[in-house]
């Protein structure tokens, strides 16, 4: 399993000049830290975001690799989102971001 610094580097590389999300996005790695994305800025700060996703680092890696279905993860509680409507509207952009992390 990748550590927080490795995950942050992968996310920052995938984000590049702009995340394409149009909203701020925070990943809460359930006790392992945070990854906050706002435009091209990627930090490990625990600051407010338009959308917060709570997921373990292991499950985040599986999600990015296509080994974990997002809806299955939500239904089983392995993935929690702060705003399901916003998460659904950003799904194509998030999938693109995750694909660039692979």
PDB file of N, CA and C in Angstrom:
ATOM      1  N   UNK A   1       0.844  -1.179   0.000  1.00  0.00           N
ATOM      2  CA  UNK A   1       0.000   0.000   0.000  1.00  0.00           C
ATOM      3  C   UNK A   1       0.888   1.240   0.000  1.00  0.00           C
ATOM      4  N   UNK A   2       0.527   2.200  -0.815  1.00  0.00           N
ATOM      5  CA  UNK A   2       1.290   3.440  -0.917  1.00  0.00           C
ATOM      6  C   UNK A   2       1.089   4.288   0.324  1.00  0.00           C
ATOM      7  N   UNK A   3       2.138   5.016   0.709  1.00  0.00           N
ATOM      8  CA  UNK A   3       1.987   5.909   1.850  1.00  0.00           C
ATOM      9  C   UNK A   3       1.416   7.239   1.372  1.00  0.00           C
ATOM     10  N   UNK A   4       1.127   8.125   2.325  1.00  0.00           N
ATOM     11  CA  UNK A   4       0.475   9.393   2.019  1.00  0.00           C
ATOM     12  C   UNK A   4       1.293  10.227   1.037  1.00  0.00           C
ATOM     13  N   UNK A   5       2.595  10.276   1.224  1.00  0.00           N
ATOM     14  CA  UNK A   5       3.433  11.083   0.339  1.00  0.00           C
ATOM     15  C   UNK A   5       3.399  10.554  -1.097  1.00  0.00           C
ATOM     16  N   UNK A   6       3.448   9.229  -1.245  1.00  0.00           N
ATOM     17  CA  UNK A   6       3.386   8.635  -2.577  1.00  0.00           C
ATOM     18  C   UNK A   6       2.041   8.909  -3.242  1.00  0.00           C
ATOM     19  N   UNK A   7       0.959   8.746  -2.481  1.00  0.00           N
ATOM     20  CA  UNK A   7      -0.377   9.019  -3.023  1.00  0.00           C
ATOM     21  C   UNK A   7      -0.504  10.476  -3.427  1.00  0.00           C
ATOM     22  N   UNK A   8       0.007  11.374  -2.590  1.00  0.00           N
ATOM     23  CA  UNK A   8      -0.081  12.803  -2.884  1.00  0.00           C
ATOM     24  C   UNK A   8       0.692  13.136  -4.159  1.00  0.00           C
ATOM     25  N   UNK A   9       1.867  12.545  -4.330  1.00  0.00           N
ATOM     26  CA  UNK A   9       2.648  12.767  -5.552  1.00  0.00           C
ATOM     27  C   UNK A   9       1.894  12.263  -6.784  1.00  0.00           C
ATOM     28  N   UNK A  10       1.278  11.093  -6.673  1.00  0.00           N
ATOM     29  CA  UNK A  10       0.516  10.545  -7.800  1.00  0.00           C
ATOM     30  C   UNK A  10      -0.670  11.438  -8.144  1.00  0.00           C
ATOM     31  N   UNK A  11      -1.373  11.907  -7.113  1.00  0.00           N
ATOM     32  CA  UNK A  11      -2.518  12.786  -7.340  1.00  0.00           C
ATOM     33  C   UNK A  11      -2.054  14.092  -7.982  1.00  0.00           C
ATOM     34  N   UNK A  12      -0.985  14.686  -7.449  1.00  0.00           N
ATOM     35  CA  UNK A  12      -0.475  15.945  -7.997  1.00  0.00           C
ATOM     36  C   UNK A  12      -0.062  15.778  -9.463  1.00  0.00           C
ATOM     37  N   UNK A  13       0.571  14.664  -9.787  1.00  0.00           N
ATOM     38  CA  UNK A  13       0.970  14.410 -11.176  1.00  0.00           C
ATOM     39  C   UNK A  13      -0.260  14.257 -12.068  1.00  0.00           C
ATOM     40  N   UNK A  14      -1.290  13.581 -11.566  1.00  0.00           N
ATOM     41  CA  UNK A  14      -2.518  13.388 -12.336  1.00  0.00           C
ATOM     42  C   UNK A  14      -3.264  14.702 -12.520  1.00  0.00           C
ATOM     43  N   UNK A  15      -3.254  15.547 -11.500  1.00  0.00           N
ATOM     44  CA  UNK A  15      -3.948  16.835 -11.560  1.00  0.00           C
ATOM     45  C   UNK A  15      -3.280  17.746 -12.580  1.00  0.00           C
ATOM     46  N   UNK A  16      -1.960  17.792 -12.574  1.00  0.00           N
ATOM     47  CA  UNK A  16      -1.231  18.647 -13.520  1.00  0.00           C
ATOM     48  C   UNK A  16      -1.570  20.108 -13.328  1.00  0.00           C
ATOM     49  N   UNK A  17      -1.868  20.807 -14.415  1.00  0.00           N
ATOM     50  CA  UNK A  17      -2.142  22.246 -14.365  1.00  0.00           C
ATOM     51  C   UNK A  17      -3.535  22.554 -13.826  1.00  0.00           C
ATOM     52  N   UNK A  18      -4.443  21.573 -13.846  1.00  0.00           N
ATOM     53  CA  UNK A  18      -5.804  21.787 -13.336  1.00  0.00           C
ATOM     54  C   UNK A  18      -6.496  20.436 -13.190  1.00  0.00           C
ATOM     55  N   UNK A  19      -7.175  20.262 -12.070  1.00  0.00           N
ATOM     56  CA  UNK A  19      -7.862  18.993 -11.819  1.00  0.00           C
ATOM     57  C   UNK A  19      -9.032  18.767 -12.768  1.00  0.00           C
ATOM     58  N   UNK A  20      -9.601  19.845 -13.297  1.00  0.00           N
ATOM     59  CA  UNK A  20     -10.758  19.720 -14.171  1.00  0.00           C
ATOM     60  C   UNK A  20     -12.053  19.499 -13.418  1.00  0.00           C
ATOM     61  N   UNK A  21     -11.992  19.516 -12.089  1.00  0.00           N
ATOM     62  CA  UNK A  21     -13.187  19.266 -11.293  1.00  0.00           C
ATOM     63  C   UNK A  21     -14.082  20.500 -11.172  1.00  0.00           C
ATOM     64  N   UNK A  22     -13.479  21.682 -11.162  1.00  0.00           N
ATOM     65  CA  UNK A  22     -14.268  22.902 -10.995  1.00  0.00           C
ATOM     66  C   UNK A  22     -14.740  23.115  -9.565  1.00  0.00           C
ATOM     67  N   UNK A  23     -14.404  22.234  -8.681  1.00  0.00           N
ATOM     68  CA  UNK A  23     -14.764  22.296  -7.259  1.00  0.00           C
ATOM     69  C   UNK A  23     -13.568  21.815  -6.451  1.00  0.00           C
ATOM     70  N   UNK A  24     -13.535  22.191  -5.174  1.00  0.00           N
ATOM     71  CA  UNK A  24     -12.491  21.646  -4.309  1.00  0.00           C
ATOM     72  C   UNK A  24     -12.919  20.256  -3.851  1.00  0.00           C
ATOM     73  N   UNK A  25     -11.947  19.404  -3.635  1.00  0.00           N
ATOM     74  CA  UNK A  25     -12.188  17.985  -3.371  1.00  0.00           C
ATOM     75  C   UNK A  25     -11.191  17.518  -2.327  1.00  0.00           C
ATOM     76  N   UNK A  26     -11.685  16.851  -1.296  1.00  0.00           N
ATOM     77  CA  UNK A  26     -10.804  16.337  -0.244  1.00  0.00           C
ATOM     78  C   UNK A  26     -11.023  14.843  -0.074  1.00  0.00           C
ATOM     79  N   UNK A  27      -9.911  14.120   0.012  1.00  0.00           N
ATOM     80  CA  UNK A  27      -9.954  12.695   0.305  1.00  0.00           C
ATOM     81  C   UNK A  27      -9.497  12.524   1.750  1.00  0.00           C
ATOM     82  N   UNK A  28     -10.372  11.996   2.582  1.00  0.00           N
ATOM     83  CA  UNK A  28     -10.053  11.668   3.977  1.00  0.00           C
ATOM     84  C   UNK A  28      -9.663  10.199   3.985  1.00  0.00           C
ATOM     85  N   UNK A  29      -8.391   9.941   4.248  1.00  0.00           N
ATOM     86  CA  UNK A  29      -7.876   8.575   4.195  1.00  0.00           C
ATOM     87  C   UNK A  29      -8.043   7.824   5.513  1.00  0.00           C
ATOM     88  N   UNK A  30      -9.051   8.203   6.265  1.00  0.00           N
ATOM     89  CA  UNK A  30      -9.457   7.492   7.481  1.00  0.00           C
ATOM     90  C   UNK A  30      -8.297   7.220   8.437  1.00  0.00           C
ATOM     91  N   UNK A  31      -7.736   8.311   8.948  1.00  0.00           N
ATOM     92  CA  UNK A  31      -6.680   8.198   9.937  1.00  0.00           C
ATOM     93  C   UNK A  31      -5.277   8.185   9.351  1.00  0.00           C
ATOM     94  N   UNK A  32      -5.175   8.097   8.027  1.00  0.00           N
ATOM     95  CA  UNK A  32      -3.865   8.066   7.376  1.00  0.00           C
ATOM     96  C   UNK A  32      -3.504   9.410   6.758  1.00  0.00           C
ATOM     97  N   UNK A  33      -4.385  10.399   6.879  1.00  0.00           N
ATOM     98  CA  UNK A  33      -4.112  11.725   6.351  1.00  0.00           C
ATOM     99  C   UNK A  33      -5.183  12.181   5.378  1.00  0.00           C
ATOM    100  N   UNK A  34      -4.884  13.290   4.713  1.00  0.00           N
ATOM    101  CA  UNK A  34      -5.829  13.921   3.791  1.00  0.00           C
ATOM    102  C   UNK A  34      -5.108  14.311   2.508  1.00  0.00           C
ATOM    103  N   UNK A  35      -5.856  14.326   1.424  1.00  0.00           N
ATOM    104  CA  UNK A  35      -5.372  14.883   0.169  1.00  0.00           C
ATOM    105  C   UNK A  35      -6.425  15.888  -0.271  1.00  0.00           C
ATOM    106  N   UNK A  36      -6.035  17.152  -0.347  1.00  0.00           N
ATOM    107  CA  UNK A  36      -6.957  18.228  -0.710  1.00  0.00           C
ATOM    108  C   UNK A  36      -6.580  18.738  -2.102  1.00  0.00           C
ATOM    109  N   UNK A  37      -7.570  18.782  -2.997  1.00  0.00           N
ATOM    110  CA  UNK A  37      -7.358  19.230  -4.368  1.00  0.00           C
ATOM    111  C   UNK A  37      -8.232  20.452  -4.619  1.00  0.00           C
ATOM    112  N   UNK A  38      -7.619  21.517  -5.078  1.00  0.00           N
ATOM    113  CA  UNK A  38      -8.353  22.724  -5.453  1.00  0.00           C
ATOM    114  C   UNK A  38      -7.678  23.293  -6.689  1.00  0.00           C
ATOM    115  N   UNK A  39      -8.268  23.044  -7.850  1.00  0.00           N
ATOM    116  CA  UNK A  39      -7.635  23.446  -9.105  1.00  0.00           C
ATOM    117  C   UNK A  39      -6.365  22.647  -9.322  1.00  0.00           C
ATOM    118  N   UNK A  40      -5.232  23.356  -9.393  1.00  0.00           N
ATOM    119  CA  UNK A  40      -3.940  22.692  -9.563  1.00  0.00           C
ATOM    120  C   UNK A  40      -3.237  22.458  -8.234  1.00  0.00           C
ATOM    121  N   UNK A  41      -3.806  22.952  -7.139  1.00  0.00           N
ATOM    122  CA  UNK A  41      -3.176  22.830  -5.826  1.00  0.00           C
ATOM    123  C   UNK A  41      -3.546  21.508  -5.161  1.00  0.00           C
ATOM    124  N   UNK A  42      -2.527  20.744  -4.802  1.00  0.00           N
ATOM    125  CA  UNK A  42      -2.717  19.473  -4.104  1.00  0.00           C
ATOM    126  C   UNK A  42      -1.902  19.540  -2.815  1.00  0.00           C
ATOM    127  N   UNK A  43      -2.590  19.426  -1.663  1.00  0.00           N
ATOM    128  CA  UNK A  43      -1.914  19.495  -0.368  1.00  0.00           C
ATOM    129  C   UNK A  43      -2.410  18.370   0.525  1.00  0.00           C
ATOM    130  N   UNK A  44      -1.811  18.258   1.694  1.00  0.00           N
ATOM    131  CA  UNK A  44      -2.261  17.296   2.696  1.00  0.00           C
ATOM    132  C   UNK A  44      -2.985  17.998   3.836  1.00  0.00           C
ATOM    133  N   UNK A  45      -3.511  19.186   3.550  1.00  0.00           N
ATOM    134  CA  UNK A  45      -4.219  19.952   4.563  1.00  0.00           C
ATOM    135  C   UNK A  45      -5.639  19.420   4.756  1.00  0.00           C
ATOM    136  N   UNK A  46      -6.079  19.454   6.000  1.00  0.00           N
ATOM    137  CA  UNK A  46      -7.460  19.088   6.333  1.00  0.00           C
ATOM    138  C   UNK A  46      -8.272  20.373   6.379  1.00  0.00           C
ATOM    139  N   UNK A  47      -8.610  20.881   5.198  1.00  0.00           N
ATOM    140  CA  UNK A  47      -9.397  22.109   5.142  1.00  0.00           C
ATOM    141  C   UNK A  47     -10.699  21.839   4.408  1.00  0.00           C
ATOM    142  N   UNK A  48     -11.677  22.710   4.575  1.00  0.00           N
ATOM    143  CA  UNK A  48     -12.985  22.495   3.957  1.00  0.00           C
ATOM    144  C   UNK A  48     -12.890  22.327   2.445  1.00  0.00           C
ATOM    145  N   UNK A  49     -13.816  21.522   1.917  1.00  0.00           N
ATOM    146  CA  UNK A  49     -13.878  21.280   0.474  1.00  0.00           C
ATOM    147  C   UNK A  49     -15.338  21.171   0.051  1.00  0.00           C
ATOM    148  N   UNK A  50     -15.594  21.411  -1.215  1.00  0.00           N
ATOM    149  CA  UNK A  50     -16.951  21.271  -1.739  1.00  0.00           C
ATOM    150  C   UNK A  50     -17.425  19.823  -1.635  1.00  0.00           C
ATOM    151  N   UNK A  51     -16.501  18.893  -1.827  1.00  0.00           N
ATOM    152  CA  UNK A  51     -16.823  17.473  -1.753  1.00  0.00           C
ATOM    153  C   UNK A  51     -15.733  16.759  -0.970  1.00  0.00           C
ATOM    154  N   UNK A  52     -16.141  16.000   0.040  1.00  0.00           N
ATOM    155  CA  UNK A  52     -15.207  15.191   0.813  1.00  0.00           C
ATOM    156  C   UNK A  52     -15.562  13.726   0.629  1.00  0.00           C
ATOM    157  N   UNK A  53     -14.548  12.946   0.328  1.00  0.00           N
ATOM    158  CA  UNK A  53     -14.696  11.505   0.170  1.00  0.00           C
ATOM    159  C   UNK A  53     -13.868  10.847   1.270  1.00  0.00           C
ATOM    160  N   UNK A  54     -14.480   9.922   1.986  1.00  0.00           N
ATOM    161  CA  UNK A  54     -13.787   9.180   3.040  1.00  0.00           C
ATOM    162  C   UNK A  54     -13.596   7.749   2.560  1.00  0.00           C
ATOM    163  N   UNK A  55     -12.314   7.337   2.484  1.00  0.00           N
ATOM    164  CA  UNK A  55     -11.979   6.011   1.968  1.00  0.00           C
ATOM    165  C   UNK A  55     -10.595   5.634   2.482  1.00  0.00           C
ATOM    166  N   UNK A  56     -10.346   4.359   2.708  1.00  0.00           N
ATOM    167  CA  UNK A  56      -9.006   3.939   3.130  1.00  0.00           C
ATOM    168  C   UNK A  56      -8.053   4.053   1.941  1.00  0.00           C
ATOM    169  N   UNK A  57      -6.768   4.173   2.234  1.00  0.00           N
ATOM    170  CA  UNK A  57      -5.765   4.254   1.173  1.00  0.00           C
ATOM    171  C   UNK A  57      -5.799   2.991   0.303  1.00  0.00           C
ATOM    172  N   UNK A  58      -5.996   1.846   0.933  1.00  0.00           N
ATOM    173  CA  UNK A  58      -6.064   0.580   0.199  1.00  0.00           C
ATOM    174  C   UNK A  58      -7.236   0.585  -0.784  1.00  0.00           C
ATOM    175  N   UNK A  59      -8.405   1.034  -0.306  1.00  0.00           N
ATOM    176  CA  UNK A  59      -9.575   1.072  -1.177  1.00  0.00           C
ATOM    177  C   UNK A  59      -9.442   2.141  -2.259  1.00  0.00           C
ATOM    178  N   UNK A  60      -8.769   3.253  -1.944  1.00  0.00           N
ATOM    179  CA  UNK A  60      -8.538   4.288  -2.945  1.00  0.00           C
ATOM    180  C   UNK A  60      -7.691   3.730  -4.087  1.00  0.00           C
ATOM    181  N   UNK A  61      -6.678   2.976  -3.730  1.00  0.00           N
ATOM    182  CA  UNK A  61      -5.819   2.355  -4.746  1.00  0.00           C
ATOM    183  C   UNK A  61      -6.639   1.377  -5.593  1.00  0.00           C
ATOM    184  N   UNK A  62      -7.477   0.563  -4.952  1.00  0.00           N
ATOM    185  CA  UNK A  62      -8.325  -0.393  -5.676  1.00  0.00           C
ATOM    186  C   UNK A  62      -9.319   0.334  -6.581  1.00  0.00           C
ATOM    187  N   UNK A  63      -9.863   1.434  -6.105  1.00  0.00           N
ATOM    188  CA  UNK A  63     -10.792   2.229  -6.896  1.00  0.00           C
ATOM    189  C   UNK A  63     -10.089   2.779  -8.136  1.00  0.00           C
ATOM    190  N   UNK A  64      -8.900   3.328  -7.941  1.00  0.00           N
ATOM    191  CA  UNK A  64      -8.130   3.879  -9.049  1.00  0.00           C
ATOM    192  C   UNK A  64      -7.722   2.828 -10.064  1.00  0.00           C
ATOM    193  N   UNK A  65      -7.488   1.605  -9.594  1.00  0.00           N
ATOM    194  CA  UNK A  65      -7.082   0.512 -10.483  1.00  0.00           C
ATOM    195  C   UNK A  65      -8.280  -0.167 -11.150  1.00  0.00           C
ATOM    196  N   UNK A  66      -9.490   0.283 -10.807  1.00  0.00           N
ATOM    197  CA  UNK A  66     -10.678  -0.327 -11.378  1.00  0.00           C
ATOM    198  C   UNK A  66     -11.046  -1.656 -10.746  1.00  0.00           C
ATOM    199  N   UNK A  67     -10.426  -1.967  -9.597  1.00  0.00           N
ATOM    200  CA  UNK A  67     -10.694  -3.224  -8.902  1.00  0.00           C
ATOM    201  C   UNK A  67     -11.843  -3.100  -7.906  1.00  0.00           C
ATOM    202  N   UNK A  68     -12.293  -1.877  -7.642  1.00  0.00           N
ATOM    203  CA  UNK A  68     -13.388  -1.635  -6.711  1.00  0.00           C
ATOM    204  C   UNK A  68     -14.408  -0.751  -7.399  1.00  0.00           C
ATOM    205  N   UNK A  69     -15.626  -1.227  -7.507  1.00  0.00           N
ATOM    206  CA  UNK A  69     -16.709  -0.465  -8.105  1.00  0.00           C
ATOM    207  C   UNK A  69     -17.143   0.631  -7.146  1.00  0.00           C
ATOM    208  N   UNK A  70     -17.225   1.892  -7.602  1.00  0.00           N
ATOM    209  CA  UNK A  70     -17.588   2.988  -6.705  1.00  0.00           C
ATOM    210  C   UNK A  70     -18.942   2.805  -6.021  1.00  0.00           C
ATOM    211  N   UNK A  71     -19.948   2.342  -6.744  1.00  0.00           N
ATOM    212  CA  UNK A  71     -21.271   2.176  -6.133  1.00  0.00           C
ATOM    213  C   UNK A  71     -21.265   1.048  -5.102  1.00  0.00           C
ATOM    214  N   UNK A  72     -20.549  -0.025  -5.377  1.00  0.00           N
ATOM    215  CA  UNK A  72     -20.411  -1.100  -4.402  1.00  0.00           C
ATOM    216  C   UNK A  72     -19.719  -0.583  -3.150  1.00  0.00           C
ATOM    217  N   UNK A  73     -18.696   0.233  -3.349  1.00  0.00           N
ATOM    218  CA  UNK A  73     -17.963   0.804  -2.215  1.00  0.00           C
ATOM    219  C   UNK A  73     -18.870   1.683  -1.367  1.00  0.00           C
ATOM    220  N   UNK A  74     -19.738   2.466  -2.007  1.00  0.00           N
ATOM    221  CA  UNK A  74     -20.675   3.319  -1.264  1.00  0.00           C
ATOM    222  C   UNK A  74     -21.677   2.464  -0.497  1.00  0.00           C
ATOM    223  N   UNK A  75     -22.243   1.489  -1.165  1.00  0.00           N
ATOM    224  CA  UNK A  75     -23.272   0.638  -0.550  1.00  0.00           C
ATOM    225  C   UNK A  75     -22.720  -0.125   0.643  1.00  0.00           C
ATOM    226  N   UNK A  76     -21.471  -0.566   0.552  1.00  0.00           N
ATOM    227  CA  UNK A  76     -20.872  -1.347   1.638  1.00  0.00           C
ATOM    228  C   UNK A  76     -20.205  -0.476   2.706  1.00  0.00           C
ATOM    229  N   UNK A  77     -20.207   0.855   2.501  1.00  0.00           N
ATOM    230  CA  UNK A  77     -19.626   1.759   3.490  1.00  0.00           C
ATOM    231  C   UNK A  77     -18.122   1.937   3.376  1.00  0.00           C
ATOM    232  N   UNK A  78     -17.524   1.341   2.378  1.00  0.00           N
ATOM    233  CA  UNK A  78     -16.071   1.489   2.188  1.00  0.00           C
ATOM    234  C   UNK A  78     -15.732   2.860   1.620  1.00  0.00           C
ATOM    235  N   UNK A  79     -16.725   3.534   1.028  1.00  0.00           N
ATOM    236  CA  UNK A  79     -16.577   4.869   0.467  1.00  0.00           C
ATOM    237  C   UNK A  79     -17.759   5.703   0.940  1.00  0.00           C
ATOM    238  N   UNK A  80     -17.449   6.835   1.563  1.00  0.00           N
ATOM    239  CA  UNK A  80     -18.496   7.756   2.010  1.00  0.00           C
ATOM    240  C   UNK A  80     -18.247   9.110   1.378  1.00  0.00           C
ATOM    241  N   UNK A  81     -19.318   9.761   0.941  1.00  0.00           N
ATOM    242  CA  UNK A  81     -19.202  11.072   0.316  1.00  0.00           C
ATOM    243  C   UNK A  81     -20.054  12.078   1.071  1.00  0.00           C
ATOM    244  N   UNK A  82     -19.587  13.336   1.102  1.00  0.00           N
ATOM    245  CA  UNK A  82     -20.297  14.377   1.835  1.00  0.00           C
ATOM    246  C   UNK A  82     -21.524  14.871   1.088  1.00  0.00           C
ATOM    247  N   UNK A  83     -21.537  14.748  -0.233  1.00  0.00           N
ATOM    248  CA  UNK A  83     -22.647  15.245  -1.051  1.00  0.00           C
ATOM    249  C   UNK A  83     -22.797  14.313  -2.255  1.00  0.00           C
ATOM    250  N   UNK A  84     -23.738  13.399  -2.161  1.00  0.00           N
ATOM    251  CA  UNK A  84     -23.901  12.394  -3.213  1.00  0.00           C
ATOM    252  C   UNK A  84     -24.252  13.035  -4.554  1.00  0.00           C
ATOM    253  N   UNK A  85     -25.089  14.064  -4.564  1.00  0.00           N
ATOM    254  CA  UNK A  85     -25.455  14.730  -5.809  1.00  0.00           C
ATOM    255  C   UNK A  85     -24.246  15.327  -6.501  1.00  0.00           C
ATOM    256  N   UNK A  86     -23.398  16.015  -5.724  1.00  0.00           N
ATOM    257  CA  UNK A  86     -22.183  16.604  -6.285  1.00  0.00           C
ATOM    258  C   UNK A  86     -21.230  15.506  -6.751  1.00  0.00           C
ATOM    259  N   UNK A  87     -21.110  14.448  -5.971  1.00  0.00           N
ATOM    260  CA  UNK A  87     -20.238  13.337  -6.357  1.00  0.00           C
ATOM    261  C   UNK A  87     -20.696  12.729  -7.687  1.00  0.00           C
ATOM    262  N   UNK A  88     -21.990  12.565  -7.848  1.00  0.00           N
ATOM    263  CA  UNK A  88     -22.511  11.996  -9.095  1.00  0.00           C
ATOM    264  C   UNK A  88     -22.251  12.933 -10.268  1.00  0.00           C
ATOM    265  N   UNK A  89     -22.408  14.249 -10.053  1.00  0.00           N
ATOM    266  CA  UNK A  89     -22.186  15.192 -11.145  1.00  0.00           C
ATOM    267  C   UNK A  89     -20.708  15.279 -11.528  1.00  0.00           C
ATOM    268  N   UNK A  90     -19.811  15.012 -10.583  1.00  0.00           N
ATOM    269  CA  UNK A  90     -18.376  15.066 -10.854  1.00  0.00           C
ATOM    270  C   UNK A  90     -17.779  13.705 -11.229  1.00  0.00           C
ATOM    271  N   UNK A  91     -18.615  12.680 -11.297  1.00  0.00           N
ATOM    272  CA  UNK A  91     -18.120  11.328 -11.550  1.00  0.00           C
ATOM    273  C   UNK A  91     -17.241  11.227 -12.803  1.00  0.00           C
ATOM    274  N   UNK A  92     -17.632  11.797 -13.945  1.00  0.00           N
ATOM    275  CA  UNK A  92     -16.751  11.673 -15.118  1.00  0.00           C
ATOM    276  C   UNK A  92     -15.371  12.310 -14.900  1.00  0.00           C
ATOM    277  N   UNK A  93     -15.345  13.476 -14.262  1.00  0.00           N
ATOM    278  CA  UNK A  93     -14.077  14.146 -14.008  1.00  0.00           C
ATOM    279  C   UNK A  93     -13.232  13.367 -13.006  1.00  0.00           C
ATOM    280  N   UNK A  94     -13.865  12.809 -11.978  1.00  0.00           N
ATOM    281  CA  UNK A  94     -13.131  12.031 -10.990  1.00  0.00           C
ATOM    282  C   UNK A  94     -12.581  10.746 -11.612  1.00  0.00           C
ATOM    283  N   UNK A  95     -13.371  10.099 -12.470  1.00  0.00           N
ATOM    284  CA  UNK A  95     -12.893   8.885 -13.131  1.00  0.00           C
ATOM    285  C   UNK A  95     -11.692   9.199 -14.011  1.00  0.00           C
ATOM    286  N   UNK A  96     -11.741  10.329 -14.694  1.00  0.00           N
ATOM    287  CA  UNK A  96     -10.621  10.735 -15.532  1.00  0.00           C
ATOM    288  C   UNK A  96      -9.388  10.986 -14.692  1.00  0.00           C
ATOM    289  N   UNK A  97      -9.566  11.637 -13.543  1.00  0.00           N
ATOM    290  CA  UNK A  97      -8.457  11.906 -12.637  1.00  0.00           C
ATOM    291  C   UNK A  97      -7.868  10.602 -12.125  1.00  0.00           C
ATOM    292  N   UNK A  98      -8.725   9.661 -11.690  1.00  0.00           N
ATOM    293  CA  UNK A  98      -8.243   8.370 -11.194  1.00  0.00           C
ATOM    294  C   UNK A  98      -7.519   7.595 -12.296  1.00  0.00           C
ATOM    295  N   UNK A  99      -8.031   7.675 -13.521  1.00  0.00           N
ATOM    296  CA  UNK A  99      -7.390   6.963 -14.636  1.00  0.00           C
ATOM    297  C   UNK A  99      -5.985   7.504 -14.887  1.00  0.00           C
ATOM    298  N   UNK A 100      -5.787   8.807 -14.710  1.00  0.00           N
ATOM    299  CA  UNK A 100      -4.463   9.394 -14.911  1.00  0.00           C
ATOM    300  C   UNK A 100      -3.499   9.003 -13.786  1.00  0.00           C
ATOM    301  N   UNK A 101      -4.032   8.537 -12.651  1.00  0.00           N
ATOM    302  CA  UNK A 101      -3.185   8.114 -11.530  1.00  0.00           C
ATOM    303  C   UNK A 101      -2.618   6.717 -11.747  1.00  0.00           C
ATOM    304  N   UNK A 102      -3.272   5.925 -12.587  1.00  0.00           N
ATOM    305  CA  UNK A 102      -2.869   4.522 -12.772  1.00  0.00           C
ATOM    306  C   UNK A 102      -1.508   4.381 -13.404  1.00  0.00           C
TER     307      UNK A 102
END
